[in-house]
Amino acid sequence: MLSAWIGSITFAGAAILYILLSLGLPYGEFAMGGKHRIMPSQMRVACAISVVIQLIAILYLLQAGHVISIGLPFDRGVCYFFSVYLILNTVMNILSKSKKERLVMTPLSLITAICFGFTAIMSGS
């Protein structure tokens, strides 16, 4: 399913950003409100945890989209959850004080939310 591929690629882009942030690279203006160019150590840990969650979400999306089959339970429900979460994330990105976060992460988050939602709906058919 194309939406699973698109959503996985866009979410992988976010995961790569968060890997770079967790390593201390200066891309903080794209995430978490854009307050820190380089994330403080506690926020780096949060970024690393976020990467794990994002990678698990990608697996769920690919399974719900019938791209892979690895036996994850509740794949549609997890996709609905991430769709709602990413819609809320999109709103937070729109409200960010960081222009970079608004311009880059808002559309990325919205596209990913739509892909999770569409994949969840279509996987039930």
PDB file of N, CA and C in Angstrom:
ATOM      1  N   MET A   1       0.846  -1.174   0.000  1.00  0.00           N
ATOM      2  CA  MET A   1       0.000   0.000   0.000  1.00  0.00           C
ATOM      3  C   MET A   1       0.895   1.243   0.000  1.00  0.00           C
ATOM      4  N   LEU A   2       0.647   2.114  -0.938  1.00  0.00           N
ATOM      5  CA  LEU A   2       1.482   3.295  -1.136  1.00  0.00           C
ATOM      6  C   LEU A   2       1.533   4.198   0.103  1.00  0.00           C
ATOM      7  N   SER A   3       0.403   4.342   0.789  1.00  0.00           N
ATOM      8  CA  SER A   3       0.388   5.218   1.965  1.00  0.00           C
ATOM      9  C   SER A   3       1.320   4.703   3.058  1.00  0.00           C
ATOM     10  N   ALA A   4       1.446   3.394   3.167  1.00  0.00           N
ATOM     11  CA  ALA A   4       2.365   2.830   4.164  1.00  0.00           C
ATOM     12  C   ALA A   4       3.812   3.153   3.805  1.00  0.00           C
ATOM     13  N   TRP A   5       4.134   3.073   2.532  1.00  0.00           N
ATOM     14  CA  TRP A   5       5.490   3.416   2.085  1.00  0.00           C
ATOM     15  C   TRP A   5       5.783   4.892   2.310  1.00  0.00           C
ATOM     16  N   ILE A   6       4.867   5.751   1.894  1.00  0.00           N
ATOM     17  CA  ILE A   6       5.084   7.200   2.037  1.00  0.00           C
ATOM     18  C   ILE A   6       5.204   7.569   3.513  1.00  0.00           C
ATOM     19  N   GLY A   7       4.286   7.071   4.334  1.00  0.00           N
ATOM     20  CA  GLY A   7       4.330   7.359   5.768  1.00  0.00           C
ATOM     21  C   GLY A   7       5.602   6.849   6.423  1.00  0.00           C
ATOM     22  N   SER A   8       6.048   5.675   6.000  1.00  0.00           N
ATOM     23  CA  SER A   8       7.280   5.114   6.562  1.00  0.00           C
ATOM     24  C   SER A   8       8.495   5.962   6.196  1.00  0.00           C
ATOM     25  N   ILE A   9       8.530   6.417   4.978  1.00  0.00           N
ATOM     26  CA  ILE A   9       9.658   7.243   4.536  1.00  0.00           C
ATOM     27  C   ILE A   9       9.660   8.592   5.255  1.00  0.00           C
ATOM     28  N   THR A  10       8.498   9.209   5.380  1.00  0.00           N
ATOM     29  CA  THR A  10       8.452  10.506   6.063  1.00  0.00           C
ATOM     30  C   THR A  10       8.766  10.355   7.548  1.00  0.00           C
ATOM     31  N   PHE A  11       8.270   9.284   8.170  1.00  0.00           N
ATOM     32  CA  PHE A  11       8.562   9.080   9.590  1.00  0.00           C
ATOM     33  C   PHE A  11      10.029   8.703   9.783  1.00  0.00           C
ATOM     34  N   ALA A  12      10.606   7.996   8.825  1.00  0.00           N
ATOM     35  CA  ALA A  12      12.037   7.683   8.893  1.00  0.00           C
ATOM     36  C   ALA A  12      12.854   8.974   8.828  1.00  0.00           C
ATOM     37  N   GLY A  13      12.390   9.941   8.040  1.00  0.00           N
ATOM     38  CA  GLY A  13      13.068  11.242   7.998  1.00  0.00           C
ATOM     39  C   GLY A  13      13.071  11.905   9.364  1.00  0.00           C
ATOM     40  N   ALA A  14      11.934  11.850  10.044  1.00  0.00           N
ATOM     41  CA  ALA A  14      11.865  12.401  11.401  1.00  0.00           C
ATOM     42  C   ALA A  14      12.771  11.621  12.344  1.00  0.00           C
ATOM     43  N   ALA A  15      12.803  10.301  12.203  1.00  0.00           N
ATOM     44  CA  ALA A  15      13.664   9.469  13.057  1.00  0.00           C
ATOM     45  C   ALA A  15      15.140   9.824  12.847  1.00  0.00           C
ATOM     46  N   ILE A  16      15.525  10.051  11.612  1.00  0.00           N
ATOM     47  CA  ILE A  16      16.913  10.438  11.329  1.00  0.00           C
ATOM     48  C   ILE A  16      17.238  11.769  12.001  1.00  0.00           C
ATOM     49  N   LEU A  17      16.315  12.721  11.912  1.00  0.00           N
ATOM     50  CA  LEU A  17      16.521  14.000  12.584  1.00  0.00           C
ATOM     51  C   LEU A  17      16.731  13.788  14.078  1.00  0.00           C
ATOM     52  N   TYR A  18      15.895  12.957  14.683  1.00  0.00           N
ATOM     53  CA  TYR A  18      15.995  12.733  16.124  1.00  0.00           C
ATOM     54  C   TYR A  18      17.256  11.959  16.502  1.00  0.00           C
ATOM     55  N   ILE A  19      17.747  11.109  15.622  1.00  0.00           N
ATOM     56  CA  ILE A  19      19.039  10.458  15.865  1.00  0.00           C
ATOM     57  C   ILE A  19      20.134  11.519  15.906  1.00  0.00           C
ATOM     58  N   LEU A  20      20.105  12.412  14.937  1.00  0.00           N
ATOM     59  CA  LEU A  20      21.107  13.481  14.890  1.00  0.00           C
ATOM     60  C   LEU A  20      21.015  14.376  16.125  1.00  0.00           C
ATOM     61  N   LEU A  21      19.796  14.678  16.550  1.00  0.00           N
ATOM     62  CA  LEU A  21      19.614  15.497  17.756  1.00  0.00           C
ATOM     63  C   LEU A  21      20.133  14.773  18.995  1.00  0.00           C
ATOM     64  N   SER A  22      19.868  13.473  19.081  1.00  0.00           N
ATOM     65  CA  SER A  22      20.332  12.715  20.254  1.00  0.00           C
ATOM     66  C   SER A  22      21.857  12.620  20.299  1.00  0.00           C
ATOM     67  N   LEU A  23      22.495  12.754  19.144  1.00  0.00           N
ATOM     68  CA  LEU A  23      23.959  12.741  19.075  1.00  0.00           C
ATOM     69  C   LEU A  23      24.570  14.122  19.315  1.00  0.00           C
ATOM     70  N   GLY A  24      23.711  15.124  19.494  1.00  0.00           N
ATOM     71  CA  GLY A  24      24.195  16.466  19.807  1.00  0.00           C
ATOM     72  C   GLY A  24      24.471  17.354  18.613  1.00  0.00           C
ATOM     73  N   LEU A  25      23.975  16.966  17.446  1.00  0.00           N
ATOM     74  CA  LEU A  25      24.169  17.815  16.274  1.00  0.00           C
ATOM     75  C   LEU A  25      23.232  19.031  16.336  1.00  0.00           C
ATOM     76  N   PRO A  26      23.606  20.132  15.693  1.00  0.00           N
ATOM     77  CA  PRO A  26      22.890  21.401  15.864  1.00  0.00           C
ATOM     78  C   PRO A  26      21.644  21.572  14.981  1.00  0.00           C
ATOM     79  N   TYR A  27      20.676  20.665  15.152  1.00  0.00           N
ATOM     80  CA  TYR A  27      19.438  20.756  14.377  1.00  0.00           C
ATOM     81  C   TYR A  27      18.218  20.964  15.267  1.00  0.00           C
ATOM     82  N   GLY A  28      18.439  21.431  16.469  1.00  0.00           N
ATOM     83  CA  GLY A  28      17.364  21.592  17.433  1.00  0.00           C
ATOM     84  C   GLY A  28      16.280  22.574  17.025  1.00  0.00           C
ATOM     85  N   GLU A  29      16.576  23.454  16.095  1.00  0.00           N
ATOM     86  CA  GLU A  29      15.567  24.421  15.650  1.00  0.00           C
ATOM     87  C   GLU A  29      14.419  23.748  14.894  1.00  0.00           C
ATOM     88  N   PHE A  30      14.609  22.485  14.516  1.00  0.00           N
ATOM     89  CA  PHE A  30      13.583  21.750  13.783  1.00  0.00           C
ATOM     90  C   PHE A  30      12.679  20.923  14.694  1.00  0.00           C
ATOM     91  N   ALA A  31      12.945  20.910  15.995  1.00  0.00           N
ATOM     92  CA  ALA A  31      12.210  19.995  16.868  1.00  0.00           C
ATOM     93  C   ALA A  31      11.984  20.581  18.260  1.00  0.00           C
ATOM     94  N   MET A  32      10.972  20.042  18.911  1.00  0.00           N
ATOM     95  CA  MET A  32      10.677  20.341  20.313  1.00  0.00           C
ATOM     96  C   MET A  32      10.611  21.833  20.600  1.00  0.00           C
ATOM     97  N   GLY A  33       9.937  22.549  19.758  1.00  0.00           N
ATOM     98  CA  GLY A  33       9.755  23.975  19.950  1.00  0.00           C
ATOM     99  C   GLY A  33      10.887  24.838  19.430  1.00  0.00           C
ATOM    100  N   GLY A  34      11.968  24.215  19.003  1.00  0.00           N
ATOM    101  CA  GLY A  34      13.086  24.957  18.423  1.00  0.00           C
ATOM    102  C   GLY A  34      13.856  25.819  19.393  1.00  0.00           C
ATOM    103  N   LYS A  35      13.692  25.574  20.694  1.00  0.00           N
ATOM    104  CA  LYS A  35      14.338  26.419  21.704  1.00  0.00           C
ATOM    105  C   LYS A  35      15.846  26.235  21.764  1.00  0.00           C
ATOM    106  N   HIS A  36      16.293  25.018  21.470  1.00  0.00           N
ATOM    107  CA  HIS A  36      17.717  24.708  21.612  1.00  0.00           C
ATOM    108  C   HIS A  36      18.301  24.325  20.262  1.00  0.00           C
ATOM    109  N   ARG A  37      19.358  24.986  19.879  1.00  0.00           N
ATOM    110  CA  ARG A  37      20.059  24.600  18.640  1.00  0.00           C
ATOM    111  C   ARG A  37      20.705  23.236  18.835  1.00  0.00           C
ATOM    112  N   ILE A  38      21.350  23.055  19.972  1.00  0.00           N
ATOM    113  CA  ILE A  38      21.906  21.763  20.375  1.00  0.00           C
ATOM    114  C   ILE A  38      21.143  21.330  21.621  1.00  0.00           C
ATOM    115  N   MET A  39      20.584  20.134  21.573  1.00  0.00           N
ATOM    116  CA  MET A  39      19.746  19.661  22.669  1.00  0.00           C
ATOM    117  C   MET A  39      20.569  19.422  23.939  1.00  0.00           C
ATOM    118  N   PRO A  40      20.028  19.859  25.091  1.00  0.00           N
ATOM    119  CA  PRO A  40      20.664  19.515  26.371  1.00  0.00           C
ATOM    120  C   PRO A  40      20.603  17.996  26.589  1.00  0.00           C
ATOM    121  N   SER A  41      21.403  17.491  27.487  1.00  0.00           N
ATOM    122  CA  SER A  41      21.536  16.039  27.649  1.00  0.00           C
ATOM    123  C   SER A  41      20.211  15.340  27.957  1.00  0.00           C
ATOM    124  N   GLN A  42      19.351  15.923  28.794  1.00  0.00           N
ATOM    125  CA  GLN A  42      18.068  15.275  29.092  1.00  0.00           C
ATOM    126  C   GLN A  42      17.194  15.190  27.845  1.00  0.00           C
ATOM    127  N   MET A  43      17.249  16.209  27.030  1.00  0.00           N
ATOM    128  CA  MET A  43      16.449  16.209  25.809  1.00  0.00           C
ATOM    129  C   MET A  43      17.030  15.250  24.772  1.00  0.00           C
ATOM    130  N   ARG A  44      18.331  15.026  24.829  1.00  0.00           N
ATOM    131  CA  ARG A  44      18.942  14.044  23.930  1.00  0.00           C
ATOM    132  C   ARG A  44      18.426  12.646  24.248  1.00  0.00           C
ATOM    133  N   VAL A  45      18.263  12.363  25.524  1.00  0.00           N
ATOM    134  CA  VAL A  45      17.704  11.071  25.938  1.00  0.00           C
ATOM    135  C   VAL A  45      16.275  10.952  25.420  1.00  0.00           C
ATOM    136  N   ALA A  46      15.493  12.016  25.553  1.00  0.00           N
ATOM    137  CA  ALA A  46      14.115  12.012  25.037  1.00  0.00           C
ATOM    138  C   ALA A  46      14.100  11.792  23.534  1.00  0.00           C
ATOM    139  N   CYS A  47      15.046  12.388  22.831  1.00  0.00           N
ATOM    140  CA  CYS A  47      15.148  12.195  21.381  1.00  0.00           C
ATOM    141  C   CYS A  47      15.454  10.734  21.051  1.00  0.00           C
ATOM    142  N   ALA A  48      16.355  10.122  21.798  1.00  0.00           N
ATOM    143  CA  ALA A  48      16.713   8.723  21.552  1.00  0.00           C
ATOM    144  C   ALA A  48      15.517   7.807  21.813  1.00  0.00           C
ATOM    145  N   ILE A  49      14.773   8.069  22.866  1.00  0.00           N
ATOM    146  CA  ILE A  49      13.571   7.277  23.151  1.00  0.00           C
ATOM    147  C   ILE A  49      12.547   7.467  22.037  1.00  0.00           C
ATOM    148  N   SER A  50      12.430   8.679  21.556  1.00  0.00           N
ATOM    149  CA  SER A  50      11.515   8.976  20.455  1.00  0.00           C
ATOM    150  C   SER A  50      11.867   8.185  19.204  1.00  0.00           C
ATOM    151  N   VAL A  51      13.150   8.023  18.936  1.00  0.00           N
ATOM    152  CA  VAL A  51      13.585   7.257  17.759  1.00  0.00           C
ATOM    153  C   VAL A  51      13.094   5.816  17.853  1.00  0.00           C
ATOM    154  N   VAL A  52      13.224   5.222  19.024  1.00  0.00           N
ATOM    155  CA  VAL A  52      12.765   3.840  19.208  1.00  0.00           C
ATOM    156  C   VAL A  52      11.262   3.746  18.934  1.00  0.00           C
ATOM    157  N   ILE A  53      10.504   4.676  19.471  1.00  0.00           N
ATOM    158  CA  ILE A  53       9.052   4.690  19.261  1.00  0.00           C
ATOM    159  C   ILE A  53       8.731   4.894  17.784  1.00  0.00           C
ATOM    160  N   GLN A  54       9.445   5.795  17.127  1.00  0.00           N
ATOM    161  CA  GLN A  54       9.207   6.043  15.702  1.00  0.00           C
ATOM    162  C   GLN A  54       9.500   4.802  14.863  1.00  0.00           C
ATOM    163  N   LEU A  55      10.569   4.090  15.180  1.00  0.00           N
ATOM    164  CA  LEU A  55      10.904   2.888  14.424  1.00  0.00           C
ATOM    165  C   LEU A  55       9.862   1.788  14.627  1.00  0.00           C
ATOM    166  N   ILE A  56       9.366   1.651  15.849  1.00  0.00           N
ATOM    167  CA  ILE A  56       8.299   0.684  16.107  1.00  0.00           C
ATOM    168  C   ILE A  56       7.049   1.078  15.337  1.00  0.00           C
ATOM    169  N   ALA A  57       6.726   2.366  15.321  1.00  0.00           N
ATOM    170  CA  ALA A  57       5.550   2.850  14.581  1.00  0.00           C
ATOM    171  C   ALA A  57       5.687   2.557  13.091  1.00  0.00           C
ATOM    172  N   ILE A  58       6.877   2.705  12.554  1.00  0.00           N
ATOM    173  CA  ILE A  58       7.114   2.404  11.134  1.00  0.00           C
ATOM    174  C   ILE A  58       6.833   0.926  10.863  1.00  0.00           C
ATOM    175  N   LEU A  59       7.271   0.052  11.752  1.00  0.00           N
ATOM    176  CA  LEU A  59       6.994  -1.379  11.582  1.00  0.00           C
ATOM    177  C   LEU A  59       5.495  -1.650  11.582  1.00  0.00           C
ATOM    178  N   TYR A  60       4.772  -1.014  12.505  1.00  0.00           N
ATOM    179  CA  TYR A  60       3.317  -1.171  12.548  1.00  0.00           C
ATOM    180  C   TYR A  60       2.670  -0.668  11.265  1.00  0.00           C
ATOM    181  N   LEU A  61       3.129   0.467  10.778  1.00  0.00           N
ATOM    182  CA  LEU A  61       2.567   1.032   9.557  1.00  0.00           C
ATOM    183  C   LEU A  61       2.803   0.109   8.371  1.00  0.00           C
ATOM    184  N   LEU A  62       4.004  -0.405   8.259  1.00  0.00           N
ATOM    185  CA  LEU A  62       4.311  -1.310   7.145  1.00  0.00           C
ATOM    186  C   LEU A  62       3.515  -2.613   7.241  1.00  0.00           C
ATOM    187  N   GLN A  63       3.281  -3.088   8.457  1.00  0.00           N
ATOM    188  CA  GLN A  63       2.479  -4.301   8.604  1.00  0.00           C
ATOM    189  C   GLN A  63       1.016  -4.021   8.269  1.00  0.00           C
ATOM    190  N   ALA A  64       0.482  -2.927   8.778  1.00  0.00           N
ATOM    191  CA  ALA A  64      -0.919  -2.594   8.482  1.00  0.00           C
ATOM    192  C   ALA A  64      -1.118  -2.369   6.990  1.00  0.00           C
ATOM    193  N   GLY A  65      -0.092  -1.868   6.318  1.00  0.00           N
ATOM    194  CA  GLY A  65      -0.162  -1.643   4.877  1.00  0.00           C
ATOM    195  C   GLY A  65       0.171  -2.872   4.051  1.00  0.00           C
ATOM    196  N   HIS A  66       0.332  -4.000   4.716  1.00  0.00           N
ATOM    197  CA  HIS A  66       0.605  -5.284   4.052  1.00  0.00           C
ATOM    198  C   HIS A  66       1.903  -5.276   3.254  1.00  0.00           C
ATOM    199  N   VAL A  67       2.865  -4.492   3.724  1.00  0.00           N
ATOM    200  CA  VAL A  67       4.191  -4.469   3.105  1.00  0.00           C
ATOM    201  C   VAL A  67       5.054  -5.552   3.737  1.00  0.00           C
ATOM    202  N   ILE A  68       4.927  -5.705   5.064  1.00  0.00           N
ATOM    203  CA  ILE A  68       5.626  -6.758   5.794  1.00  0.00           C
ATOM    204  C   ILE A  68       4.610  -7.491   6.657  1.00  0.00           C
ATOM    205  N   SER A  69       4.986  -8.660   7.127  1.00  0.00           N
ATOM    206  CA  SER A  69       4.140  -9.419   8.049  1.00  0.00           C
ATOM    207  C   SER A  69       5.040  -9.998   9.124  1.00  0.00           C
ATOM    208  N   ILE A  70       5.036  -9.351  10.298  1.00  0.00           N
ATOM    209  CA  ILE A  70       5.903  -9.807  11.382  1.00  0.00           C
ATOM    210  C   ILE A  70       5.121 -10.136  12.648  1.00  0.00           C
ATOM    211  N   GLY A  71       3.809 -10.192  12.545  1.00  0.00           N
ATOM    212  CA  GLY A  71       2.979 -10.643  13.651  1.00  0.00           C
ATOM    213  C   GLY A  71       2.739  -9.646  14.764  1.00  0.00           C
ATOM    214  N   LEU A  72       2.856  -8.361  14.469  1.00  0.00           N
ATOM    215  CA  LEU A  72       2.565  -7.353  15.489  1.00  0.00           C
ATOM    216  C   LEU A  72       1.066  -7.295  15.739  1.00  0.00           C
ATOM    217  N   PRO A  73       0.639  -7.277  17.007  1.00  0.00           N
ATOM    218  CA  PRO A  73      -0.802  -7.212  17.292  1.00  0.00           C
ATOM    219  C   PRO A  73      -1.339  -5.789  17.143  1.00  0.00           C
ATOM    220  N   PHE A  74      -2.628  -5.706  16.866  1.00  0.00           N
ATOM    221  CA  PHE A  74      -3.350  -4.422  16.877  1.00  0.00           C
ATOM    222  C   PHE A  74      -2.775  -3.379  15.923  1.00  0.00           C
ATOM    223  N   ASP A  75      -2.334  -3.799  14.744  1.00  0.00           N
ATOM    224  CA  ASP A  75      -1.667  -2.849  13.848  1.00  0.00           C
ATOM    225  C   ASP A  75      -2.583  -1.701  13.423  1.00  0.00           C
ATOM    226  N   ARG A  76      -3.857  -1.979  13.153  1.00  0.00           N
ATOM    227  CA  ARG A  76      -4.762  -0.882  12.774  1.00  0.00           C
ATOM    228  C   ARG A  76      -4.933   0.109  13.923  1.00  0.00           C
ATOM    229  N   GLY A  77      -5.127  -0.406  15.117  1.00  0.00           N
ATOM    230  CA  GLY A  77      -5.308   0.463  16.283  1.00  0.00           C
ATOM    231  C   GLY A  77      -4.098   1.331  16.545  1.00  0.00           C
ATOM    232  N   VAL A  78      -2.933   0.760  16.401  1.00  0.00           N
ATOM    233  CA  VAL A  78      -1.701   1.526  16.595  1.00  0.00           C
ATOM    234  C   VAL A  78      -1.582   2.605  15.520  1.00  0.00           C
ATOM    235  N   CYS A  79      -1.966   2.276  14.292  1.00  0.00           N
ATOM    236  CA  CYS A  79      -1.934   3.270  13.213  1.00  0.00           C
ATOM    237  C   CYS A  79      -2.917   4.408  13.481  1.00  0.00           C
ATOM    238  N   TYR A  80      -4.110   4.078  13.988  1.00  0.00           N
ATOM    239  CA  TYR A  80      -5.058   5.144  14.358  1.00  0.00           C
ATOM    240  C   TYR A  80      -4.465   6.014  15.466  1.00  0.00           C
ATOM    241  N   PHE A  81      -3.851   5.380  16.454  1.00  0.00           N
ATOM    242  CA  PHE A  81      -3.236   6.132  17.546  1.00  0.00           C
ATOM    243  C   PHE A  81      -2.195   7.113  17.012  1.00  0.00           C
ATOM    244  N   PHE A  82      -1.295   6.632  16.164  1.00  0.00           N
ATOM    245  CA  PHE A  82      -0.251   7.506  15.636  1.00  0.00           C
ATOM    246  C   PHE A  82      -0.820   8.577  14.712  1.00  0.00           C
ATOM    247  N   SER A  83      -1.894   8.277  14.018  1.00  0.00           N
ATOM    248  CA  SER A  83      -2.527   9.292  13.187  1.00  0.00           C
ATOM    249  C   SER A  83      -3.025  10.453  14.053  1.00  0.00           C
ATOM    250  N   VAL A  84      -3.704  10.126  15.124  1.00  0.00           N
ATOM    251  CA  VAL A  84      -4.201  11.173  16.034  1.00  0.00           C
ATOM    252  C   VAL A  84      -3.034  11.906  16.690  1.00  0.00           C
ATOM    253  N   TYR A  85      -2.050  11.150  17.161  1.00  0.00           N
ATOM    254  CA  TYR A  85      -0.878  11.756  17.784  1.00  0.00           C
ATOM    255  C   TYR A  85      -0.194  12.730  16.822  1.00  0.00           C
ATOM    256  N   LEU A  86      -0.041  12.325  15.578  1.00  0.00           N
ATOM    257  CA  LEU A  86       0.654  13.173  14.603  1.00  0.00           C
ATOM    258  C   LEU A  86      -0.184  14.375  14.183  1.00  0.00           C
ATOM    259  N   ILE A  87      -1.491  14.260  14.232  1.00  0.00           N
ATOM    260  CA  ILE A  87      -2.340  15.434  13.990  1.00  0.00           C
ATOM    261  C   ILE A  87      -2.112  16.453  15.103  1.00  0.00           C
ATOM    262  N   LEU A  88      -2.085  15.979  16.348  1.00  0.00           N
ATOM    263  CA  LEU A  88      -1.801  16.876  17.474  1.00  0.00           C
ATOM    264  C   LEU A  88      -0.390  17.458  17.351  1.00  0.00           C
ATOM    265  N   ASN A  89       0.549  16.644  16.925  1.00  0.00           N
ATOM    266  CA  ASN A  89       1.921  17.099  16.708  1.00  0.00           C
ATOM    267  C   ASN A  89       1.971  18.175  15.623  1.00  0.00           C
ATOM    268  N   THR A  90       1.170  18.008  14.589  1.00  0.00           N
ATOM    269  CA  THR A  90       1.100  19.004  13.516  1.00  0.00           C
ATOM    270  C   THR A  90       0.628  20.348  14.065  1.00  0.00           C
ATOM    271  N   VAL A  91      -0.395  20.305  14.918  1.00  0.00           N
ATOM    272  CA  VAL A  91      -0.898  21.540  15.537  1.00  0.00           C
ATOM    273  C   VAL A  91       0.202  22.192  16.373  1.00  0.00           C
ATOM    274  N   MET A  92       0.918  21.376  17.148  1.00  0.00           N
ATOM    275  CA  MET A  92       2.005  21.932  17.968  1.00  0.00           C
ATOM    276  C   MET A  92       3.112  22.528  17.092  1.00  0.00           C
ATOM    277  N   ASN A  93       3.384  21.888  15.965  1.00  0.00           N
ATOM    278  CA  ASN A  93       4.394  22.429  15.053  1.00  0.00           C
ATOM    279  C   ASN A  93       3.950  23.761  14.464  1.00  0.00           C
ATOM    280  N   ILE A  94       2.674  23.869  14.138  1.00  0.00           N
ATOM    281  CA  ILE A  94       2.146  25.138  13.613  1.00  0.00           C
ATOM    282  C   ILE A  94       2.318  26.254  14.638  1.00  0.00           C
ATOM    283  N   LEU A  95       2.167  25.914  15.906  1.00  0.00           N
ATOM    284  CA  LEU A  95       2.252  26.905  16.983  1.00  0.00           C
ATOM    285  C   LEU A  95       3.681  27.173  17.455  1.00  0.00           C
ATOM    286  N   SER A  96       4.643  26.462  16.908  1.00  0.00           N
ATOM    287  CA  SER A  96       6.035  26.606  17.332  1.00  0.00           C
ATOM    288  C   SER A  96       6.561  28.011  17.049  1.00  0.00           C
ATOM    289  N   LYS A  97       7.443  28.465  17.910  1.00  0.00           N
ATOM    290  CA  LYS A  97       8.108  29.749  17.702  1.00  0.00           C
ATOM    291  C   LYS A  97       9.222  29.635  16.660  1.00  0.00           C
ATOM    292  N   SER A  98       9.614  28.406  16.373  1.00  0.00           N
ATOM    293  CA  SER A  98      10.696  28.169  15.413  1.00  0.00           C
ATOM    294  C   SER A  98      10.154  28.132  13.987  1.00  0.00           C
ATOM    295  N   LYS A  99      10.636  29.051  13.173  1.00  0.00           N
ATOM    296  CA  LYS A  99      10.218  29.093  11.771  1.00  0.00           C
ATOM    297  C   LYS A  99      10.602  27.800  11.052  1.00  0.00           C
ATOM    298  N   LYS A 100      11.776  27.256  11.349  1.00  0.00           N
ATOM    299  CA  LYS A 100      12.229  26.021  10.703  1.00  0.00           C
ATOM    300  C   LYS A 100      11.312  24.859  11.047  1.00  0.00           C
ATOM    301  N   GLU A 101      10.898  24.783  12.290  1.00  0.00           N
ATOM    302  CA  GLU A 101       9.989  23.712  12.687  1.00  0.00           C
ATOM    303  C   GLU A 101       8.631  23.872  11.995  1.00  0.00           C
ATOM    304  N   ARG A 102       8.136  25.092  11.941  1.00  0.00           N
ATOM    305  CA  ARG A 102       6.845  25.330  11.272  1.00  0.00           C
ATOM    306  C   ARG A 102       6.903  24.970   9.796  1.00  0.00           C
ATOM    307  N   LEU A 103       7.978  25.379   9.117  1.00  0.00           N
ATOM    308  CA  LEU A 103       8.060  25.187   7.666  1.00  0.00           C
ATOM    309  C   LEU A 103       8.411  23.762   7.241  1.00  0.00           C
ATOM    310  N   VAL A 104       9.208  23.067   8.039  1.00  0.00           N
ATOM    311  CA  VAL A 104       9.673  21.736   7.652  1.00  0.00           C
ATOM    312  C   VAL A 104       8.873  20.637   8.350  1.00  0.00           C
ATOM    313  N   MET A 105       8.769  20.724   9.647  1.00  0.00           N
ATOM    314  CA  MET A 105       8.180  19.620  10.406  1.00  0.00           C
ATOM    315  C   MET A 105       6.649  19.587  10.335  1.00  0.00           C
ATOM    316  N   THR A 106       6.014  20.740  10.155  1.00  0.00           N
ATOM    317  CA  THR A 106       4.555  20.748  10.066  1.00  0.00           C
ATOM    318  C   THR A 106       4.053  19.929   8.876  1.00  0.00           C
ATOM    319  N   PRO A 107       4.519  20.187   7.665  1.00  0.00           N
ATOM    320  CA  PRO A 107       4.026  19.358   6.553  1.00  0.00           C
ATOM    321  C   PRO A 107       4.463  17.897   6.670  1.00  0.00           C
ATOM    322  N   LEU A 108       5.654  17.661   7.178  1.00  0.00           N
ATOM    323  CA  LEU A 108       6.131  16.286   7.359  1.00  0.00           C
ATOM    324  C   LEU A 108       5.217  15.526   8.318  1.00  0.00           C
ATOM    325  N   SER A 109       4.871  16.163   9.404  1.00  0.00           N
ATOM    326  CA  SER A 109       3.993  15.551  10.393  1.00  0.00           C
ATOM    327  C   SER A 109       2.586  15.330   9.837  1.00  0.00           C
ATOM    328  N   LEU A 110       2.075  16.300   9.098  1.00  0.00           N
ATOM    329  CA  LEU A 110       0.742  16.172   8.524  1.00  0.00           C
ATOM    330  C   LEU A 110       0.677  15.045   7.496  1.00  0.00           C
ATOM    331  N   ILE A 111       1.652  14.986   6.623  1.00  0.00           N
ATOM    332  CA  ILE A 111       1.687  13.912   5.618  1.00  0.00           C
ATOM    333  C   ILE A 111       1.738  12.553   6.304  1.00  0.00           C
ATOM    334  N   THR A 112       2.574  12.446   7.325  1.00  0.00           N
ATOM    335  CA  THR A 112       2.708  11.178   8.039  1.00  0.00           C
ATOM    336  C   THR A 112       1.405  10.818   8.747  1.00  0.00           C
ATOM    337  N   ALA A 113       0.736  11.791   9.351  1.00  0.00           N
ATOM    338  CA  ALA A 113      -0.548  11.541  10.021  1.00  0.00           C
ATOM    339  C   ALA A 113      -1.580  11.019   9.030  1.00  0.00           C
ATOM    340  N   ILE A 114      -1.652  11.639   7.868  1.00  0.00           N
ATOM    341  CA  ILE A 114      -2.603  11.205   6.840  1.00  0.00           C
ATOM    342  C   ILE A 114      -2.286   9.783   6.398  1.00  0.00           C
ATOM    343  N   CYS A 115      -1.022   9.481   6.234  1.00  0.00           N
ATOM    344  CA  CYS A 115      -0.622   8.123   5.803  1.00  0.00           C
ATOM    345  C   CYS A 115      -0.987   7.077   6.852  1.00  0.00           C
ATOM    346  N   PHE A 116      -0.749   7.377   8.125  1.00  0.00           N
ATOM    347  CA  PHE A 116      -1.135   6.433   9.181  1.00  0.00           C
ATOM    348  C   PHE A 116      -2.649   6.235   9.181  1.00  0.00           C
ATOM    349  N   GLY A 117      -3.408   7.316   9.095  1.00  0.00           N
ATOM    350  CA  GLY A 117      -4.863   7.203   9.098  1.00  0.00           C
ATOM    351  C   GLY A 117      -5.404   6.462   7.890  1.00  0.00           C
ATOM    352  N   PHE A 118      -4.917   6.806   6.725  1.00  0.00           N
ATOM    353  CA  PHE A 118      -5.373   6.162   5.494  1.00  0.00           C
ATOM    354  C   PHE A 118      -5.024   4.675   5.494  1.00  0.00           C
ATOM    355  N   THR A 119      -3.821   4.353   5.936  1.00  0.00           N
ATOM    356  CA  THR A 119      -3.409   2.941   5.991  1.00  0.00           C
ATOM    357  C   THR A 119      -4.288   2.183   6.965  1.00  0.00           C
ATOM    358  N   ALA A 120      -4.603   2.756   8.092  1.00  0.00           N
ATOM    359  CA  ALA A 120      -5.467   2.089   9.075  1.00  0.00           C
ATOM    360  C   ALA A 120      -6.852   1.843   8.486  1.00  0.00           C
ATOM    361  N   ILE A 121      -7.390   2.839   7.814  1.00  0.00           N
ATOM    362  CA  ILE A 121      -8.728   2.689   7.213  1.00  0.00           C
ATOM    363  C   ILE A 121      -8.706   1.616   6.121  1.00  0.00           C
ATOM    364  N   MET A 122      -7.723   1.685   5.260  1.00  0.00           N
ATOM    365  CA  MET A 122      -7.673   0.766   4.117  1.00  0.00           C
ATOM    366  C   MET A 122      -7.293  -0.661   4.527  1.00  0.00           C
ATOM    367  N   SER A 123      -6.585  -0.820   5.619  1.00  0.00           N
ATOM    368  CA  SER A 123      -6.185  -2.175   6.022  1.00  0.00           C
ATOM    369  C   SER A 123      -7.362  -2.967   6.564  1.00  0.00           C
ATOM    370  N   GLY A 124      -8.447  -2.276   6.897  1.00  0.00           N
ATOM    371  CA  GLY A 124      -9.645  -2.961   7.376  1.00  0.00           C
ATOM    372  C   GLY A 124     -10.550  -3.425   6.271  1.00  0.00           C
ATOM    373  N   SER A 125     -10.282  -3.004   5.054  1.00  0.00           N
ATOM    374  CA  SER A 125     -11.143  -3.355   3.920  1.00  0.00           C
ATOM    375  C   SER A 125     -10.890  -4.768   3.445  1.00  0.00           C
TER     376      SER A 125
END
